[in-house]
Amino acid sequence: MRALRIILTWFFIIMFLMSCMTVAKEAQAMTANESINNFAFNAAKVIREDSGEYFFSPYSILSAFGMAYAGAEGNTAREIEEVLGFSADTHTELGNFVKDLSVEQALSSANRVWLRNGLTLKDTYKETLLLNYNSTAKEIDFKGDTENSRKTINNWVSDNTKGKIPELLTDLNPYTQMILTNAIYFNSAWESEFNKKETAKEKFFPGGCEYVTVDMMKKNDDFLYAERDGNKIINIPYEGGRFSMIVFLPPKVAGYTGTLANDAKPLTLDAEIFNELLGSMREYEVDLWLPKFKIEKSYELKNLFEALGIKLAFSDAADFSGITADEALKIDKVIHKTFIDVDEEKTEAAAATAITMVKATAMAPREKPKAVFHADSPFEYFIVDNYTKTILFAGRQTFDR
């Protein structure tokens, strides 16, 4: 009898621990927009170490990575889930988001998978691509006609970014097995344009007391606005109301010769603080200054993903057996290029992502107050879908190049 009680006690202890582990695992899973927003801030921290100024599309990158995850198995899938918060629901959520956005004239997004001639995809993988990513797979001759294969993919990207990213791939490994691509294009007028006659040369302080001269757009109008410890955030809506540019302006850095509030404490943005600030916004009459700017960026993101904790997917131990039974695959490169042009009338932005996959050498197991918002020092900005609060593009402007 005593032995039975001991067995039952250990049984319930084990069941309790297993239920705790299940809850912990489920708690890691995020909705697709939560995954995108968390990635936006986590990636920005890594990218910022290399360059103070950046611009990228977390939506584009994770859309392409979602297609890779759809074929990941075993430890490779679990690692992606732990780092990005992906789950089996991610594909459906991304698919619904793409379908929802497709009715918006301001924004377009497209996915396409490119295969080496003769590579056979599993039926379940093809179904996921078509149903959730609206993507078909096109065979091309990577090895026999490498240059034309590169041009074919670049032409597709150029077409889907209205020519703003004409060359995503500058070279192509002839032994490439598969390339997963996403392209996103955004073009929208402001809800209320800036008056070009008001644009003037003003000082912008990249850091300390030194400054550069920029074309500063100016407007006094009603905006959603919030402030915390000297950190300012403003919502500048685009025509139609679905999308906005959210601009976050921390206090100026030490050495600035102007006057700073004594209680100014620069905030480090993450998804939680960002959502809190958005939730605290209310309508103010704001004296707004915003620089005109136009930039292009190019990234190879393998090191970023490895720094965040996704390593198996890039190794010979990668398990993408859900994609094909023909070859053992691993991710070789994650290439990302972006473009943004902000002026008095509108914002035009584009991004494209390519994930190249090659053979793995071994197969592994599987009231209207007033406010002043003068963006005359480094600021972060986000183009956001107001319906879902998803960050489509994220950037930081410093004019320090």
Protein backbone atom coordinates (compact mmCIF):
# COMPACT_ATOMS: atom_id res chain seq x y z
CA MET A 1 0.00 0.00 0.00
CA ARG A 2 2.86 2.33 0.94
CA ALA A 3 4.55 1.58 -2.37
CA LEU A 4 1.33 2.43 -4.21
CA ARG A 5 1.10 5.78 -2.42
CA ILE A 6 4.72 6.58 -3.37
CA ILE A 7 4.06 5.70 -7.00
CA LEU A 8 0.89 7.81 -7.07
CA THR A 9 2.70 10.74 -5.39
CA TRP A 10 5.48 10.68 -7.99
CA PHE A 11 2.93 10.30 -10.78
CA PHE A 12 1.10 13.48 -9.74
CA ILE A 13 4.40 15.36 -9.27
CA ILE A 14 5.50 14.39 -12.79
CA MET A 15 2.10 15.31 -14.26
CA PHE A 16 2.23 18.69 -12.47
CA LEU A 17 5.73 19.42 -13.79
CA MET A 18 4.70 18.40 -17.31
CA SER A 19 1.67 20.72 -17.14
CA CYS A 20 3.93 23.58 -16.00
CA MET A 21 6.25 22.90 -18.91
CA THR A 22 3.30 22.91 -21.30
CA VAL A 23 2.02 26.22 -19.94
CA ALA A 24 5.53 27.69 -20.20
CA LYS A 25 5.84 26.49 -23.79
CA GLU A 26 2.42 27.87 -24.71
CA ALA A 27 3.28 31.19 -23.05
CA GLN A 28 6.20 31.56 -25.48
CA ALA A 29 3.91 31.46 -28.51
CA MET A 30 2.81 34.85 -29.79
CA THR A 31 0.34 36.12 -32.32
CA ALA A 32 1.94 36.93 -35.66
CA ASN A 33 1.80 40.69 -35.05
CA GLU A 34 3.36 40.22 -31.60
CA SER A 35 6.16 38.19 -33.18
CA ILE A 36 6.76 40.90 -35.78
CA ASN A 37 6.81 43.72 -33.21
CA ASN A 38 9.07 41.87 -30.79
CA PHE A 39 11.44 41.04 -33.62
CA ALA A 40 11.43 44.74 -34.68
CA PHE A 41 12.87 45.86 -31.36
CA ASN A 42 15.16 42.87 -30.77
CA ALA A 43 16.63 43.17 -34.26
CA ALA A 44 17.04 46.96 -33.94
CA LYS A 45 19.28 46.47 -30.89
CA VAL A 46 21.62 44.20 -32.86
CA ILE A 47 21.60 46.27 -36.07
CA ARG A 48 22.22 49.48 -34.11
CA GLU A 49 25.53 48.10 -32.83
CA ASP A 50 26.84 48.16 -36.40
CA SER A 51 25.19 51.41 -37.50
CA GLY A 52 23.32 54.09 -35.55
CA GLU A 53 21.04 54.66 -38.53
CA TYR A 54 18.89 51.85 -39.86
CA PHE A 55 15.72 51.05 -41.78
CA PHE A 56 14.25 47.60 -42.21
CA SER A 57 10.93 45.77 -42.50
CA PRO A 58 10.33 43.27 -39.70
CA TYR A 59 7.17 42.24 -41.53
CA SER A 60 9.05 41.35 -44.72
CA ILE A 61 11.80 39.46 -42.89
CA LEU A 62 9.43 37.37 -40.79
CA SER A 63 7.13 36.68 -43.74
CA ALA A 64 10.09 35.09 -45.54
CA PHE A 65 11.20 33.32 -42.37
CA GLY A 66 7.66 32.06 -41.86
CA MET A 67 7.94 30.19 -45.15
CA ALA A 68 11.15 28.55 -43.93
CA TYR A 69 9.56 27.70 -40.58
CA ALA A 70 6.69 26.00 -42.42
CA GLY A 71 9.18 23.29 -43.42
CA ALA A 72 11.22 23.15 -40.22
CA GLU A 73 11.05 20.08 -38.00
CA GLY A 74 12.44 18.89 -34.67
CA ASN A 75 14.96 21.05 -32.83
CA THR A 76 15.23 23.47 -35.75
CA ALA A 77 11.51 24.27 -35.47
CA ARG A 78 11.68 24.49 -31.68
CA GLU A 79 14.59 26.95 -31.82
CA ILE A 80 12.66 29.21 -34.21
CA GLU A 81 9.59 28.98 -31.98
CA GLU A 82 11.58 29.93 -28.88
CA VAL A 83 13.32 32.91 -30.47
CA LEU A 84 10.55 34.32 -32.70
CA GLY A 85 7.48 33.15 -30.81
CA PHE A 86 6.20 31.26 -33.85
CA SER A 87 3.62 28.49 -33.56
CA ALA A 88 1.46 26.39 -35.85
CA ASP A 89 -0.99 29.34 -35.90
CA THR A 90 1.62 31.74 -37.31
CA HIS A 91 1.04 30.70 -40.93
CA THR A 92 -2.73 31.22 -40.74
CA GLU A 93 -2.34 34.56 -38.94
CA LEU A 94 0.22 35.82 -41.46
CA GLY A 95 -2.02 34.61 -44.27
CA ASN A 96 -5.06 36.42 -42.88
CA PHE A 97 -2.98 39.56 -42.40
CA VAL A 98 -1.74 39.45 -46.00
CA LYS A 99 -5.29 38.99 -47.30
CA ASP A 100 -6.51 41.89 -45.14
CA LEU A 101 -3.73 44.19 -46.34
CA SER A 102 -4.26 43.25 -49.97
CA VAL A 103 -7.38 45.44 -50.12
CA GLU A 104 -5.35 48.52 -49.14
CA GLN A 105 -4.20 50.64 -52.07
CA ALA A 106 -1.34 52.12 -50.04
CA LEU A 107 0.40 48.81 -49.49
CA SER A 108 1.17 45.63 -51.37
CA SER A 109 3.04 42.51 -50.34
CA ALA A 110 4.04 39.41 -52.31
CA ASN A 111 5.80 36.10 -51.64
CA ARG A 112 7.46 33.72 -54.08
CA VAL A 113 9.51 30.55 -53.74
CA TRP A 114 12.21 29.69 -56.31
CA LEU A 115 13.45 26.12 -56.72
CA ARG A 116 16.34 24.52 -58.54
CA ASN A 117 15.17 22.45 -61.49
CA GLY A 118 13.94 19.05 -60.34
CA LEU A 119 13.57 19.78 -56.60
CA THR A 120 10.26 18.30 -55.43
CA LEU A 121 8.33 19.98 -52.63
CA LYS A 122 6.17 17.99 -50.24
CA ASP A 123 2.44 18.44 -50.87
CA THR A 124 1.77 19.70 -47.35
CA TYR A 125 4.45 22.36 -47.74
CA LYS A 126 3.07 23.49 -51.12
CA GLU A 127 -0.40 23.77 -49.56
CA THR A 128 0.92 25.96 -46.72
CA LEU A 129 2.70 28.23 -49.18
CA LEU A 130 -0.38 28.66 -51.35
CA LEU A 131 -3.06 28.96 -48.65
CA ASN A 132 -1.19 31.14 -46.14
CA TYR A 133 1.50 32.96 -48.12
CA ASN A 134 -0.28 33.18 -51.48
CA SER A 135 2.93 31.83 -52.97
CA THR A 136 3.62 29.35 -55.71
CA ALA A 137 6.98 27.71 -56.39
CA LYS A 138 8.80 28.37 -59.66
CA GLU A 139 11.64 26.18 -60.91
CA ILE A 140 14.69 27.93 -62.38
CA ASP A 141 18.15 26.76 -63.42
CA PHE A 142 20.42 28.01 -60.63
CA LYS A 143 23.40 25.92 -61.77
CA GLY A 144 23.13 25.89 -65.55
CA ASP A 145 21.99 29.52 -65.98
CA THR A 146 23.01 31.27 -62.78
CA GLU A 147 23.02 34.84 -64.11
CA ASN A 148 19.58 34.61 -65.71
CA SER A 149 18.24 33.01 -62.52
CA ARG A 150 19.56 35.97 -60.52
CA LYS A 151 17.99 38.42 -63.00
CA THR A 152 14.65 36.60 -62.90
CA ILE A 153 14.44 36.95 -59.12
CA ASN A 154 15.64 40.56 -59.17
CA ASN A 155 13.05 41.43 -61.83
CA TRP A 156 10.30 39.93 -59.67
CA VAL A 157 11.48 41.97 -56.67
CA SER A 158 11.74 45.15 -58.76
CA ASP A 159 8.22 44.66 -60.13
CA ASN A 160 6.80 44.16 -56.64
CA THR A 161 8.61 47.19 -55.16
CA LYS A 162 7.78 49.51 -58.09
CA GLY A 163 11.46 49.63 -59.07
CA LYS A 164 12.67 50.87 -55.69
CA ILE A 165 14.74 47.71 -55.08
CA PRO A 166 16.07 46.80 -58.53
CA GLU A 167 18.78 44.39 -57.36
CA LEU A 168 18.17 42.33 -54.25
CA LEU A 169 20.69 39.64 -55.26
CA THR A 170 24.10 40.91 -56.36
CA ASP A 171 25.40 37.37 -56.84
CA LEU A 172 24.02 33.83 -56.68
CA ASN A 173 25.53 30.54 -55.59
CA PRO A 174 25.01 28.06 -58.48
CA TYR A 175 24.49 25.31 -55.90
CA THR A 176 21.49 27.08 -54.39
CA GLN A 177 18.58 24.70 -53.89
CA MET A 178 15.82 27.15 -52.97
CA ILE A 179 15.19 30.86 -52.38
CA LEU A 180 12.28 32.25 -50.33
CA THR A 181 11.41 35.86 -51.19
CA ASN A 182 9.10 38.56 -49.86
CA ALA A 183 8.60 42.06 -51.24
CA ILE A 184 6.59 44.84 -49.62
CA TYR A 185 5.79 48.28 -51.06
CA PHE A 186 4.14 51.25 -49.31
CA ASN A 187 3.15 54.57 -50.87
CA SER A 188 0.72 56.92 -49.15
CA ALA A 189 0.05 60.63 -48.87
CA TRP A 190 -0.12 62.16 -45.44
CA GLU A 191 -3.65 62.70 -44.15
CA SER A 192 -2.68 66.39 -44.05
CA GLU A 193 0.30 67.42 -46.16
CA PHE A 194 3.12 69.65 -44.97
CA ASN A 195 3.24 73.05 -46.65
CA LYS A 196 6.40 73.12 -48.79
CA LYS A 197 6.69 76.89 -48.19
CA GLU A 198 7.16 76.16 -44.48
CA THR A 199 10.10 73.78 -45.03
CA ALA A 200 13.33 75.47 -43.93
CA LYS A 201 16.95 74.68 -43.19
CA GLU A 202 17.37 73.83 -39.52
CA LYS A 203 20.03 72.36 -37.27
CA PHE A 204 19.91 68.64 -36.53
CA PHE A 205 22.06 67.32 -33.66
CA PRO A 206 23.30 63.75 -34.39
CA GLY A 207 25.08 63.70 -31.02
CA GLY A 208 26.52 66.14 -28.54
CA CYS A 209 26.78 69.79 -29.54
CA GLU A 210 27.74 69.18 -33.19
CA TYR A 211 25.04 69.58 -35.81
CA VAL A 212 24.23 69.19 -39.49
CA THR A 213 21.78 71.25 -41.52
CA VAL A 214 18.67 69.49 -42.84
CA ASP A 215 15.45 70.37 -44.68
CA MET A 216 12.92 70.51 -41.87
CA MET A 217 9.21 70.17 -42.64
CA LYS A 218 6.94 72.10 -40.25
CA LYS A 219 3.29 71.91 -39.27
CA ASN A 220 1.07 73.02 -36.40
CA ASP A 221 -1.90 70.68 -36.16
CA ASP A 222 -3.76 68.19 -33.96
CA PHE A 223 -1.99 64.87 -33.43
CA LEU A 224 -2.12 61.93 -31.06
CA TYR A 225 0.84 62.55 -28.75
CA ALA A 226 2.35 61.36 -25.48
CA GLU A 227 5.36 62.20 -23.35
CA ARG A 228 7.20 60.34 -20.60
CA ASP A 229 10.31 61.54 -18.75
CA GLY A 230 11.24 63.84 -21.63
CA ASN A 231 10.65 61.14 -24.26
CA LYS A 232 8.10 62.18 -26.89
CA ILE A 233 6.02 60.09 -29.28
CA ILE A 234 3.66 61.26 -32.01
CA ASN A 235 1.25 59.60 -34.45
CA ILE A 236 1.32 61.17 -37.93
CA PRO A 237 -1.52 59.57 -39.92
CA TYR A 238 -1.55 58.72 -43.59
CA GLU A 239 -4.48 59.22 -45.93
CA GLY A 240 -7.32 56.82 -45.18
CA GLY A 241 -6.42 56.32 -41.52
CA ARG A 242 -5.26 52.69 -41.74
CA PHE A 243 -1.55 53.48 -41.49
CA SER A 244 0.53 55.97 -39.49
CA MET A 245 4.11 56.96 -38.97
CA ILE A 246 4.90 56.76 -35.27
CA VAL A 247 7.91 58.91 -34.39
CA PHE A 248 9.69 58.43 -31.07
CA LEU A 249 12.02 61.24 -29.95
CA PRO A 250 14.19 60.62 -26.87
CA PRO A 251 15.87 63.51 -25.01
CA LYS A 252 19.03 64.88 -26.61
CA VAL A 253 22.28 63.24 -25.57
CA ALA A 254 24.81 64.70 -23.15
CA GLY A 255 26.80 67.60 -24.55
CA TYR A 256 23.86 69.24 -26.31
CA THR A 257 24.13 72.98 -25.72
CA GLY A 258 20.37 73.65 -25.40
CA THR A 259 18.16 73.23 -22.36
CA LEU A 260 17.02 69.80 -21.19
CA ALA A 261 14.41 69.00 -18.56
CA ASN A 262 16.07 67.96 -15.29
CA ASP A 263 14.05 64.75 -15.14
CA ALA A 264 14.81 63.67 -18.71
CA LYS A 265 15.51 59.93 -18.88
CA PRO A 266 15.98 58.36 -22.33
CA LEU A 267 13.82 55.26 -22.75
CA THR A 268 14.99 52.15 -24.53
CA LEU A 269 12.05 51.05 -26.62
CA ASP A 270 10.80 47.49 -26.59
CA ALA A 271 7.44 46.07 -27.64
CA GLU A 272 5.94 46.50 -24.16
CA ILE A 273 7.00 50.13 -23.70
CA PHE A 274 5.99 50.91 -27.28
CA ASN A 275 2.48 49.58 -26.67
CA GLU A 276 2.24 51.48 -23.38
CA LEU A 277 3.18 54.73 -25.09
CA LEU A 278 0.68 54.12 -27.91
CA GLY A 279 -2.02 53.46 -25.32
CA SER A 280 -1.25 56.70 -23.44
CA MET A 281 -1.56 58.94 -26.50
CA ARG A 282 -4.25 61.61 -26.65
CA GLU A 283 -4.94 64.53 -28.92
CA TYR A 284 -2.68 67.56 -28.62
CA GLU A 285 -2.13 70.63 -30.71
CA VAL A 286 1.48 70.00 -31.70
CA ASP A 287 4.14 72.25 -33.18
CA LEU A 288 5.73 69.53 -35.32
CA TRP A 289 9.11 69.55 -37.04
CA LEU A 290 10.09 66.51 -39.09
CA PRO A 291 13.10 66.28 -41.42
CA LYS A 292 12.80 65.23 -45.04
CA PHE A 293 14.96 62.20 -45.69
CA LYS A 294 15.62 59.49 -48.24
CA ILE A 295 17.75 56.44 -47.54
CA GLU A 296 18.51 52.96 -48.86
CA LYS A 297 19.88 50.13 -46.75
CA SER A 298 21.22 46.65 -47.40
CA TYR A 299 21.71 43.89 -44.81
CA GLU A 300 22.93 40.31 -44.62
CA LEU A 301 21.08 39.05 -41.55
CA LYS A 302 22.61 35.65 -40.79
CA ASN A 303 24.67 37.09 -37.92
CA LEU A 304 21.60 38.87 -36.56
CA PHE A 305 19.55 35.68 -36.37
CA GLU A 306 22.44 33.79 -34.82
CA ALA A 307 22.88 36.59 -32.24
CA LEU A 308 19.19 36.30 -31.38
CA GLY A 309 19.57 32.54 -30.90
CA ILE A 310 18.62 30.89 -34.20
CA LYS A 311 21.69 28.80 -35.05
CA LEU A 312 20.55 25.32 -36.05
CA ALA A 313 18.75 26.61 -39.15
CA PHE A 314 22.11 27.82 -40.56
CA SER A 315 24.08 24.71 -39.63
CA ASP A 316 24.57 21.29 -41.20
CA ALA A 317 22.32 19.98 -38.42
CA ALA A 318 19.36 21.98 -39.78
CA ASP A 319 16.14 20.03 -40.18
CA PHE A 320 13.92 21.35 -42.97
CA SER A 321 12.60 17.92 -43.85
CA GLY A 322 9.07 19.33 -44.03
CA ILE A 323 10.02 21.06 -47.30
CA THR A 324 11.38 18.23 -49.42
CA ALA A 325 12.59 14.66 -49.21
CA ASP A 326 15.08 15.22 -52.07
CA GLU A 327 17.79 17.07 -50.14
CA ALA A 328 18.85 18.00 -46.63
CA LEU A 329 18.61 21.81 -46.58
CA LYS A 330 20.02 24.60 -44.45
CA ILE A 331 19.73 28.40 -44.66
CA ASP A 332 22.77 29.96 -46.30
CA LYS A 333 21.94 33.69 -46.34
CA VAL A 334 19.18 36.12 -45.31
CA ILE A 335 19.42 39.18 -47.57
CA HIS A 336 17.34 42.28 -46.88
CA LYS A 337 17.21 45.58 -48.78
CA THR A 338 15.09 48.65 -48.06
CA PHE A 339 14.18 52.09 -49.38
CA ILE A 340 12.31 55.04 -47.84
CA ASP A 341 11.59 58.58 -49.06
CA VAL A 342 9.80 61.01 -46.71
CA ASP A 343 8.73 64.44 -48.00
CA GLU A 344 5.97 67.04 -47.53
CA GLU A 345 3.38 65.09 -49.54
CA LYS A 346 3.89 61.42 -48.76
CA THR A 347 6.02 58.50 -47.67
CA GLU A 348 7.21 55.87 -50.11
CA ALA A 349 8.89 52.78 -48.71
CA ALA A 350 9.87 49.34 -49.94
CA ALA A 351 11.64 46.28 -48.64
CA ALA A 352 12.60 42.86 -49.96
CA THR A 353 13.94 39.76 -48.27
CA ALA A 354 15.57 36.67 -49.75
CA ILE A 355 16.39 33.54 -47.77
CA THR A 356 18.71 31.28 -49.76
CA MET A 357 18.88 27.59 -48.91
CA VAL A 358 21.63 25.15 -49.88
CA LYS A 359 22.43 21.51 -49.17
CA ALA A 360 23.34 20.59 -45.62
CA THR A 361 26.26 18.18 -45.59
CA ALA A 362 24.60 15.99 -42.96
CA MET A 363 21.01 15.10 -42.23
CA ALA A 364 20.06 15.82 -38.60
CA PRO A 365 17.20 14.69 -36.40
CA ARG A 366 14.28 16.79 -36.58
CA GLU A 367 -8.43 68.17 -24.38
CA LYS A 368 -6.30 69.58 -26.42
CA PRO A 369 -3.17 70.60 -24.61
CA LYS A 370 -0.25 71.96 -26.61
CA ALA A 371 3.06 70.27 -27.24
CA VAL A 372 6.29 70.82 -29.14
CA PHE A 373 7.77 67.96 -31.15
CA HIS A 374 10.94 69.09 -32.93
CA ALA A 375 12.70 66.05 -34.39
CA ASP A 376 16.09 67.77 -34.55
CA SER A 377 18.09 64.94 -32.97
CA PRO A 378 18.19 61.17 -33.59
CA PHE A 379 14.72 59.65 -33.62
CA GLU A 380 13.13 56.27 -34.22
CA TYR A 381 10.17 55.88 -36.56
CA PHE A 382 7.73 53.14 -37.44
CA ILE A 383 5.16 52.70 -40.19
CA VAL A 384 2.35 50.94 -38.38
CA ASP A 385 -0.91 49.25 -39.32
CA ASN A 386 -3.30 50.99 -36.93
CA TYR A 387 -5.83 48.14 -37.03
CA THR A 388 -3.50 45.46 -35.70
CA LYS A 389 -0.68 47.67 -34.32
CA THR A 390 1.76 45.70 -36.47
CA ILE A 391 5.07 47.37 -37.32
CA LEU A 392 5.57 47.11 -41.08
CA PHE A 393 8.77 49.18 -41.23
CA ALA A 394 11.14 50.36 -38.49
CA GLY A 395 13.95 52.90 -38.67
CA ARG A 396 16.24 55.29 -36.88
CA GLN A 397 17.35 58.57 -38.45
CA THR A 398 20.60 60.19 -37.35
CA PHE A 399 22.01 62.05 -40.40
CA ASP A 400 25.44 60.89 -39.17
CA ARG A 401 26.59 59.26 -42.42
